[in-house]
Each structure stands twice: as structure tokens, then as C-alpha cells.
C-alpha atoms as a PDB file:
ATOM      1  CA  UNK A   1     209.782 -29.170-124.988  1.00  0.00           C
ATOM      2  CA  UNK A   2     208.983 -32.476-123.254  1.00  0.00           C
ATOM      3  CA  UNK A   3     212.047 -32.083-121.034  1.00  0.00           C
ATOM      4  CA  UNK A   4     211.026 -28.535-120.150  1.00  0.00           C
ATOM      5  CA  UNK A   5     207.403 -29.445-119.336  1.00  0.00           C
ATOM      6  CA  UNK A   6     208.412 -32.452-117.198  1.00  0.00           C
ATOM      7  CA  UNK A   7     211.467 -31.186-115.307  1.00  0.00           C
ATOM      8  CA  UNK A   8     211.037 -27.410-115.259  1.00  0.00           C
ATOM      9  CA  UNK A   9     207.279 -26.898-114.954  1.00  0.00           C
ATOM     10  CA  UNK A  10     205.108 -29.909-114.176  1.00  0.00           C
ATOM     11  CA  UNK A  11     207.574 -31.811-112.010  1.00  0.00           C
ATOM     12  CA  UNK A  12     208.310 -29.043-109.501  1.00  0.00           C
ATOM     13  CA  UNK A  13     204.666 -27.982-109.258  1.00  0.00           C
ATOM     14  CA  UNK A  14     203.348 -31.497-108.706  1.00  0.00           C
ATOM     15  CA  UNK A  15     206.124 -32.265-106.241  1.00  0.00           C
ATOM     16  CA  UNK A  16     205.379 -29.106-104.281  1.00  0.00           C
ATOM     17  CA  UNK A  17     201.641 -29.910-104.048  1.00  0.00           C
ATOM     18  CA  UNK A  18     202.275 -33.526-102.993  1.00  0.00           C
ATOM     19  CA  UNK A  19     204.916 -32.596-100.401  1.00  0.00           C
ATOM     20  CA  UNK A  20     202.747 -29.829 -98.930  1.00  0.00           C
ATOM     21  CA  UNK A  21     199.800 -32.229 -98.746  1.00  0.00           C
ATOM     22  CA  UNK A  22     201.969 -34.676 -96.840  1.00  0.00           C
ATOM     23  CA  UNK A  23     202.599 -32.065 -94.153  1.00  0.00           C
ATOM     24  CA  UNK A  24     205.982 -30.642 -95.141  1.00  0.00           C
ATOM     25  CA  UNK A  25     206.708 -26.957 -94.711  1.00  0.00           C
ATOM     26  CA  UNK A  26     206.671 -24.628 -97.720  1.00  0.00           C
ATOM     27  CA  UNK A  27     210.447 -24.181 -97.546  1.00  0.00           C
ATOM     28  CA  UNK A  28     211.156 -27.927 -97.440  1.00  0.00           C
ATOM     29  CA  UNK A  29     208.683 -28.573-100.272  1.00  0.00           C
ATOM     30  CA  UNK A  30     210.263 -25.867-102.403  1.00  0.00           C
ATOM     31  CA  UNK A  31     213.789 -27.161-101.772  1.00  0.00           C
ATOM     32  CA  UNK A  32     212.853 -30.753-102.692  1.00  0.00           C
ATOM     33  CA  UNK A  33     210.904 -29.677-105.770  1.00  0.00           C
ATOM     34  CA  UNK A  34     214.123 -28.063-107.033  1.00  0.00           C
ATOM     35  CA  UNK A  35     215.483 -31.557-107.633  1.00  0.00           C
ATOM     36  CA  UNK A  36     213.505 -31.817-110.900  1.00  0.00           C
ATOM     37  CA  UNK A  37     215.143 -28.853-112.729  1.00  0.00           C
ATOM     38  CA  UNK A  38     218.589 -29.982-111.480  1.00  0.00           C
ATOM     39  CA  UNK A  39     217.919 -33.490-112.785  1.00  0.00           C
ATOM     40  CA  UNK A  40     216.799 -32.048-116.154  1.00  0.00           C
ATOM     41  CA  UNK A  41     220.041 -30.040-116.469  1.00  0.00           C
ATOM     42  CA  UNK A  42     222.062 -33.162-115.578  1.00  0.00           C
ATOM     43  CA  UNK A  43     220.372 -35.196-118.283  1.00  0.00           C
ATOM     44  CA  UNK A  44     220.996 -32.441-120.831  1.00  0.00           C
ATOM     45  CA  UNK A  45     224.675 -32.266-119.801  1.00  0.00           C
ATOM     46  CA  UNK A  46     225.058 -36.040-120.199  1.00  0.00           C
ATOM     47  CA  UNK A  47     223.387 -36.007-123.598  1.00  0.00           C
ATOM     48  CA  UNK A  48     225.431 -33.093-124.960  1.00  0.00           C
ATOM     49  CA  UNK A  49     228.542 -33.797-122.858  1.00  0.00           C
ATOM     50  CA  UNK A  50     228.633 -30.229-121.568  1.00  0.00           C
ATOM     51  CA  UNK A  51     226.625 -27.769-119.483  1.00  0.00           C
ATOM     52  CA  UNK A  52     225.354 -24.846-121.565  1.00  0.00           C
ATOM     53  CA  UNK A  53     224.948 -21.288-120.306  1.00  0.00           C
ATOM     54  CA  UNK A  54     221.231 -21.716-119.531  1.00  0.00           C
ATOM     55  CA  UNK A  55     221.907 -24.929-117.591  1.00  0.00           C
ATOM     56  CA  UNK A  56     224.660 -23.236-115.625  1.00  0.00           C
ATOM     57  CA  UNK A  57     222.264 -20.391-114.696  1.00  0.00           C
ATOM     58  CA  UNK A  58     219.619 -22.886-113.585  1.00  0.00           C
ATOM     59  CA  UNK A  59     222.085 -24.790-111.413  1.00  0.00           C
ATOM     60  CA  UNK A  60     223.407 -21.546-109.940  1.00  0.00           C
ATOM     61  CA  UNK A  61     219.860 -20.486-109.051  1.00  0.00           C
ATOM     62  CA  UNK A  62     219.168 -23.825-107.398  1.00  0.00           C
ATOM     63  CA  UNK A  63     222.356 -23.698-105.334  1.00  0.00           C
ATOM     64  CA  UNK A  64     221.765 -20.100-104.263  1.00  0.00           C
ATOM     65  CA  UNK A  65     218.119 -20.824-103.487  1.00  0.00           C
ATOM     66  CA  UNK A  66     218.960 -23.933-101.494  1.00  0.00           C
ATOM     67  CA  UNK A  67     221.492 -22.110 -99.341  1.00  0.00           C
ATOM     68  CA  UNK A  68     219.099 -19.187 -98.826  1.00  0.00           C
ATOM     69  CA  UNK A  69     216.227 -21.488 -97.891  1.00  0.00           C
ATOM     70  CA  UNK A  70     218.301 -23.430 -95.363  1.00  0.00           C
ATOM     71  CA  UNK A  71     219.631 -20.249 -93.753  1.00  0.00           C
ATOM     72  CA  UNK A  72     216.539 -18.041 -93.781  1.00  0.00           C
ATOM     73  CA  UNK A  73     213.693 -20.641 -93.596  1.00  0.00           C
ATOM     74  CA  UNK A  74     211.670 -18.166 -95.685  1.00  0.00           C
ATOM     75  CA  UNK A  75     209.694 -19.550 -98.615  1.00  0.00           C
ATOM     76  CA  UNK A  76     209.241 -16.137-100.211  1.00  0.00           C
ATOM     77  CA  UNK A  77     212.949 -15.324 -99.982  1.00  0.00           C
ATOM     78  CA  UNK A  78     213.694 -18.766-101.476  1.00  0.00           C
ATOM     79  CA  UNK A  79     211.435 -17.974-104.433  1.00  0.00           C
ATOM     80  CA  UNK A  80     212.985 -14.537-104.830  1.00  0.00           C
ATOM     81  CA  UNK A  81     216.452 -16.101-105.077  1.00  0.00           C
ATOM     82  CA  UNK A  82     215.138 -17.988-108.098  1.00  0.00           C
ATOM     83  CA  UNK A  83     215.010 -14.644-109.918  1.00  0.00           C
ATOM     84  CA  UNK A  84     218.718 -14.019-109.339  1.00  0.00           C
ATOM     85  CA  UNK A  85     219.944 -15.980-112.427  1.00  0.00           C
ATOM     86  CA  UNK A  86     217.391 -14.093-114.535  1.00  0.00           C
ATOM     87  CA  UNK A  87     218.632 -10.743-113.263  1.00  0.00           C
ATOM     88  CA  UNK A  88     222.268 -11.844-113.700  1.00  0.00           C
ATOM     89  CA  UNK A  89     221.561 -12.805-117.295  1.00  0.00           C
ATOM     90  CA  UNK A  90     219.930  -9.411-117.957  1.00  0.00           C
ATOM     91  CA  UNK A  91     222.898  -7.585-116.458  1.00  0.00           C
ATOM     92  CA  UNK A  92     225.329  -9.808-118.363  1.00  0.00           C
ATOM     93  CA  UNK A  93     223.627  -8.857-121.633  1.00  0.00           C
ATOM     94  CA  UNK A  94     223.906  -5.154-120.899  1.00  0.00           C
ATOM     95  CA  UNK A  95     227.444  -5.481-119.572  1.00  0.00           C
ATOM     96  CA  UNK A  96     228.561  -7.369-122.685  1.00  0.00           C
ATOM     97  CA  UNK A  97     227.922  -4.279-124.797  1.00  0.00           C
ATOM     98  CA  UNK A  98     231.387  -3.102-123.676  1.00  0.00           C
ATOM     99  CA  UNK A  99     232.967  -6.437-124.513  1.00  0.00           C
ATOM    100  CA  UNK A 100     234.324  -7.513-127.905  1.00  0.00           C
ATOM    101  CA  UNK A 101     231.083  -9.313-128.753  1.00  0.00           C
ATOM    102  CA  UNK A 102     227.614  -8.699-127.240  1.00  0.00           C
ATOM    103  CA  UNK A 103     226.248 -11.717-125.422  1.00  0.00           C
ATOM    104  CA  UNK A 104     223.449 -12.476-127.871  1.00  0.00           C
ATOM    105  CA  UNK A 105     225.893 -12.586-130.766  1.00  0.00           C
ATOM    106  CA  UNK A 106     228.009 -15.091-128.847  1.00  0.00           C
ATOM    107  CA  UNK A 107     224.924 -17.169-128.022  1.00  0.00           C
ATOM    108  CA  UNK A 108     223.759 -17.137-131.617  1.00  0.00           C
ATOM    109  CA  UNK A 109     227.159 -18.120-132.933  1.00  0.00           C
ATOM    110  CA  UNK A 110     227.474 -20.920-130.350  1.00  0.00           C
ATOM    111  CA  UNK A 111     223.994 -22.212-131.232  1.00  0.00           C
ATOM    112  CA  UNK A 112     224.709 -22.205-134.971  1.00  0.00           C
ATOM    113  CA  UNK A 113     228.213 -23.577-134.524  1.00  0.00           C
ATOM    114  CA  UNK A 114     231.292 -21.381-134.831  1.00  0.00           C
ATOM    115  CA  UNK A 115     232.979 -23.832-137.250  1.00  0.00           C
ATOM    116  CA  UNK A 116     229.991 -24.155-139.575  1.00  0.00           C
ATOM    117  CA  UNK A 117     229.681 -22.144-142.780  1.00  0.00           C
ATOM    118  CA  UNK A 118     227.038 -19.936-141.202  1.00  0.00           C
ATOM    119  CA  UNK A 119     229.124 -19.396-138.070  1.00  0.00           C
ATOM    120  CA  UNK A 120     232.142 -18.395-140.144  1.00  0.00           C
ATOM    121  CA  UNK A 121     229.914 -16.032-142.113  1.00  0.00           C
ATOM    122  CA  UNK A 122     228.843 -14.394-138.867  1.00  0.00           C
ATOM    123  CA  UNK A 123     232.466 -13.832-137.970  1.00  0.00           C
ATOM    124  CA  UNK A 124     233.137 -12.324-141.400  1.00  0.00           C
ATOM    125  CA  UNK A 125     230.162  -9.980-141.181  1.00  0.00           C
ATOM    126  CA  UNK A 126     231.054  -8.766-137.731  1.00  0.00           C
ATOM    127  CA  UNK A 127     233.479  -6.224-139.167  1.00  0.00           C
ATOM    128  CA  UNK A 128     230.582  -4.193-140.561  1.00  0.00           C
ATOM    129  CA  UNK A 129     229.037  -1.505-138.328  1.00  0.00           C
ATOM    130  CA  UNK A 130     225.485  -2.178-139.416  1.00  0.00           C
ATOM    131  CA  UNK A 131     225.752  -5.881-138.610  1.00  0.00           C
ATOM    132  CA  UNK A 132     227.204  -5.149-135.198  1.00  0.00           C
ATOM    133  CA  UNK A 133     224.406  -2.636-134.519  1.00  0.00           C
ATOM    134  CA  UNK A 134     221.707  -5.250-135.110  1.00  0.00           C
ATOM    135  CA  UNK A 135     223.174  -7.603-132.500  1.00  0.00           C
ATOM    136  CA  UNK A 136     223.735  -4.781-130.029  1.00  0.00           C
ATOM    137  CA  UNK A 137     220.042  -3.822-130.287  1.00  0.00           C
ATOM    138  CA  UNK A 138     219.027  -7.446-129.765  1.00  0.00           C
ATOM    139  CA  UNK A 139     221.293  -7.724-126.756  1.00  0.00           C
ATOM    140  CA  UNK A 140     219.948  -4.512-125.194  1.00  0.00           C
ATOM    141  CA  UNK A 141     216.343  -5.616-125.644  1.00  0.00           C
ATOM    142  CA  UNK A 142     217.020  -9.066-124.149  1.00  0.00           C
ATOM    143  CA  UNK A 143     218.878  -7.553-121.211  1.00  0.00           C
ATOM    144  CA  UNK A 144     216.131  -5.082-120.342  1.00  0.00           C
ATOM    145  CA  UNK A 145     213.396  -7.695-120.825  1.00  0.00           C
ATOM    146  CA  UNK A 146     214.978 -10.181-118.446  1.00  0.00           C
ATOM    147  CA  UNK A 147     215.562  -7.501-115.815  1.00  0.00           C
ATOM    148  CA  UNK A 148     211.852  -6.615-116.102  1.00  0.00           C
ATOM    149  CA  UNK A 149     210.979 -10.305-115.753  1.00  0.00           C
ATOM    150  CA  UNK A 150     213.064 -10.651-112.602  1.00  0.00           C
ATOM    151  CA  UNK A 151     211.415  -7.572-111.060  1.00  0.00           C
ATOM    152  CA  UNK A 152     207.955  -8.792-112.047  1.00  0.00           C
ATOM    153  CA  UNK A 153     208.522 -12.169-110.388  1.00  0.00           C
ATOM    154  CA  UNK A 154     209.602 -10.453-107.159  1.00  0.00           C
ATOM    155  CA  UNK A 155     206.391  -8.392-107.157  1.00  0.00           C
ATOM    156  CA  UNK A 156     204.281 -11.500-107.769  1.00  0.00           C
ATOM    157  CA  UNK A 157     206.059 -13.497-105.041  1.00  0.00           C
ATOM    158  CA  UNK A 158     205.331 -10.886-102.366  1.00  0.00           C
ATOM    159  CA  UNK A 159     201.731 -10.359-103.412  1.00  0.00           C
ATOM    160  CA  UNK A 160     200.433 -13.945-103.867  1.00  0.00           C
ATOM    161  CA  UNK A 161     200.473 -17.243-102.004  1.00  0.00           C
ATOM    162  CA  UNK A 162     203.573 -19.433-102.131  1.00  0.00           C
ATOM    163  CA  UNK A 163     201.864 -22.017-104.362  1.00  0.00           C
ATOM    164  CA  UNK A 164     200.631 -19.399-106.809  1.00  0.00           C
ATOM    165  CA  UNK A 165     204.029 -17.659-106.810  1.00  0.00           C
ATOM    166  CA  UNK A 166     205.766 -20.973-107.529  1.00  0.00           C
ATOM    167  CA  UNK A 167     203.462 -21.741-110.454  1.00  0.00           C
ATOM    168  CA  UNK A 168     203.865 -18.270-111.987  1.00  0.00           C
ATOM    169  CA  UNK A 169     207.648 -18.364-111.412  1.00  0.00           C
ATOM    170  CA  UNK A 170     207.882 -21.634-113.322  1.00  0.00           C
ATOM    171  CA  UNK A 171     205.819 -20.450-116.295  1.00  0.00           C
ATOM    172  CA  UNK A 172     206.918 -16.819-116.593  1.00  0.00           C
ATOM    173  CA  UNK A 173     210.514 -17.473-117.761  1.00  0.00           C
ATOM    174  CA  UNK A 174     209.361 -19.610-120.676  1.00  0.00           C
ATOM    175  CA  UNK A 175     206.626 -17.082-121.555  1.00  0.00           C
ATOM    176  CA  UNK A 176     209.207 -14.295-121.673  1.00  0.00           C
ATOM    177  CA  UNK A 177     211.582 -16.537-123.630  1.00  0.00           C
ATOM    178  CA  UNK A 178     208.927 -17.312-126.232  1.00  0.00           C
ATOM    179  CA  UNK A 179     208.084 -13.599-126.590  1.00  0.00           C
ATOM    180  CA  UNK A 180     211.747 -12.633-126.945  1.00  0.00           C
ATOM    181  CA  UNK A 181     212.450 -15.339-129.494  1.00  0.00           C
ATOM    182  CA  UNK A 182     209.423 -14.237-131.548  1.00  0.00           C
ATOM    183  CA  UNK A 183     210.556 -10.605-131.366  1.00  0.00           C
ATOM    184  CA  UNK A 184     214.141 -11.474-132.293  1.00  0.00           C
ATOM    185  CA  UNK A 185     213.045 -13.466-135.338  1.00  0.00           C
ATOM    186  CA  UNK A 186     210.695 -10.669-136.445  1.00  0.00           C
ATOM    187  CA  UNK A 187     213.397  -8.029-135.917  1.00  0.00           C
ATOM    188  CA  UNK A 188     215.929 -10.121-137.811  1.00  0.00           C
ATOM    189  CA  UNK A 189     213.616 -10.538-140.754  1.00  0.00           C
ATOM    190  CA  UNK A 190     212.864  -6.826-140.772  1.00  0.00           C
ATOM    191  CA  UNK A 191     216.563  -5.940-140.861  1.00  0.00           C
ATOM    192  CA  UNK A 192     217.194  -8.527-143.542  1.00  0.00           C
ATOM    193  CA  UNK A 193     214.455  -7.083-145.747  1.00  0.00           C
ATOM    194  CA  UNK A 194     215.869  -3.616-145.162  1.00  0.00           C
ATOM    195  CA  UNK A 195     219.273  -4.852-146.322  1.00  0.00           C
ATOM    196  CA  UNK A 196     217.750  -6.479-149.414  1.00  0.00           C
ATOM    197  CA  UNK A 197     215.958  -3.254-150.360  1.00  0.00           C
ATOM    198  CA  UNK A 198     219.183  -1.258-149.940  1.00  0.00           C
ATOM    199  CA  UNK A 199     221.111  -3.863-151.991  1.00  0.00           C
ATOM    200  CA  UNK A 200     218.489  -3.636-154.748  1.00  0.00           C
ATOM    201  CA  UNK A 201     218.911   0.142-154.758  1.00  0.00           C
ATOM    202  CA  UNK A 202     222.676  -0.261-155.090  1.00  0.00           C
ATOM    203  CA  UNK A 203     223.416   1.317-151.720  1.00  0.00           C
ATOM    204  CA  UNK A 204     225.223  -1.791-150.410  1.00  0.00           C
ATOM    205  CA  UNK A 205     226.685  -4.899-152.044  1.00  0.00           C
ATOM    206  CA  UNK A 206     225.554  -7.473-149.495  1.00  0.00           C
ATOM    207  CA  UNK A 207     221.986  -7.514-148.080  1.00  0.00           C
ATOM    208  CA  UNK A 208     223.440  -8.567-144.729  1.00  0.00           C
ATOM    209  CA  UNK A 209     225.577  -5.453-144.481  1.00  0.00           C
ATOM    210  CA  UNK A 210     223.256  -2.839-142.981  1.00  0.00           C
ATOM    211  CA  UNK A 211     224.554   0.716-142.837  1.00  0.00           C
ATOM    212  CA  UNK A 212     225.933   2.102-139.575  1.00  0.00           C
ATOM    213  CA  UNK A 213     223.786   4.775-137.873  1.00  0.00           C
ATOM    214  CA  UNK A 214     224.952   8.318-138.509  1.00  0.00           C
ATOM    215  CA  UNK A 215     225.140  11.089-135.879  1.00  0.00           C
ATOM    216  CA  UNK A 216     221.998  12.514-137.401  1.00  0.00           C
ATOM    217  CA  UNK A 217     220.177   9.247-136.710  1.00  0.00           C
ATOM    218  CA  UNK A 218     221.123   9.506-133.015  1.00  0.00           C
ATOM    219  CA  UNK A 219     219.933  13.078-132.891  1.00  0.00           C
ATOM    220  CA  UNK A 220     216.634  12.173-134.524  1.00  0.00           C
ATOM    221  CA  UNK A 221     216.165   9.345-132.017  1.00  0.00           C
END
């Protein structure tokens, strides 16, 4: 959290204010303030000896934004380009529904550790329809939410001042992330309790093995 506050929120905002006060243009101030998030990703990569998916998206956004700012000299367009990684992540979530594993399952397994006992259990449970359905629902919700966030940031950028848009753009991703994490945990607990009730009723052997939806469930929905 300290790294996030310093390098992703406070650092860029303070740098932008200071640079603007010194007489720099909005585009130049925005470009230079992007050094802080890049530095934060670099420190994380050195500590963990690899760049994770989130870090890669941040760096991609900085590179795209820098090129756009240098070519267009438009502060608003530069800020809009910062929403590109968010939109790409949302589309990647939805696109992964046709892959072997939905993106949020892959992220969860990577976070837990694929070689740990829990990671191996996730691999074992993947063969059950109900278990797969839970992760597909999570992936759909995350994908749609991040596309909404990207669109919301674009609306804000074109309807507020550059400084205000920058501040909101720095805070909004973490607000959405906190909301999505809270929803995911709540949804996971709900599905777990559902599995435990069905196991107690003798409908399934393992509380983690939720039943697959039937055609009637789709019709009712």
C-alpha cells in the first residue's frame, strides 16, 4: 500500500502540481509525472525478479501515453491513453472465456502459487463444471467492470480540468480494484456456503464442487 500511495498516486499528483507551478506545459508535466509509476514497477520487478501482469500493463500504458503525448501535444489525449491498459485488461478477461482457462482463474492460481497444495487443488477442481462456472462468472464481472472504468475515465477527462482529471484517473483504478476484490471475496464465500449446504444435503461429495447450470437455469435467467 505504501508503494502504491507513493509511486502511483501521491508522487504523480505532487510532481504534476510542482511542474505546472514552475511553468511547464500540461503535456510535459504529465509526461514527467509518469516517471513515478514506472519507477514503482521497476522496484517491484527488482524485488520479485519479474514483472507481473499488472506491472506490464502499467508500463505499456506509460509507453503508449508518452508516445501519444509527444506526437499529439494534447494533455487530454495523453490522459485518455492511460485508460488503454484498463480497457485491454477488460477485453482480455472477456476474450479469455474462450481460452482453456479464464484470466481470473490464471491470476488466482499464479497469486496462490501453481506448485503449492492450494494451487494443485485448483487444478484438480477445474475438471468440475460448477467450479469452472464460478471462475467464468468472476472473469465476466471483472471484464465488464474494467471496461466501464475505462469509459468512465474518458468521460471525466473530457469534462474536467487536466489537474482534476489526473487526480481522478490516479484514484479511480484503485477504487474499482478495491470494489472488485470485495465483491469477489463475497461471491466466493457465497458459493462456498452454497457448496457446503449441498454437501450437507448429500447432493455433492465435496463442498467445492458446485453443480453445473442446467438448460432450465439458463431459460430461467
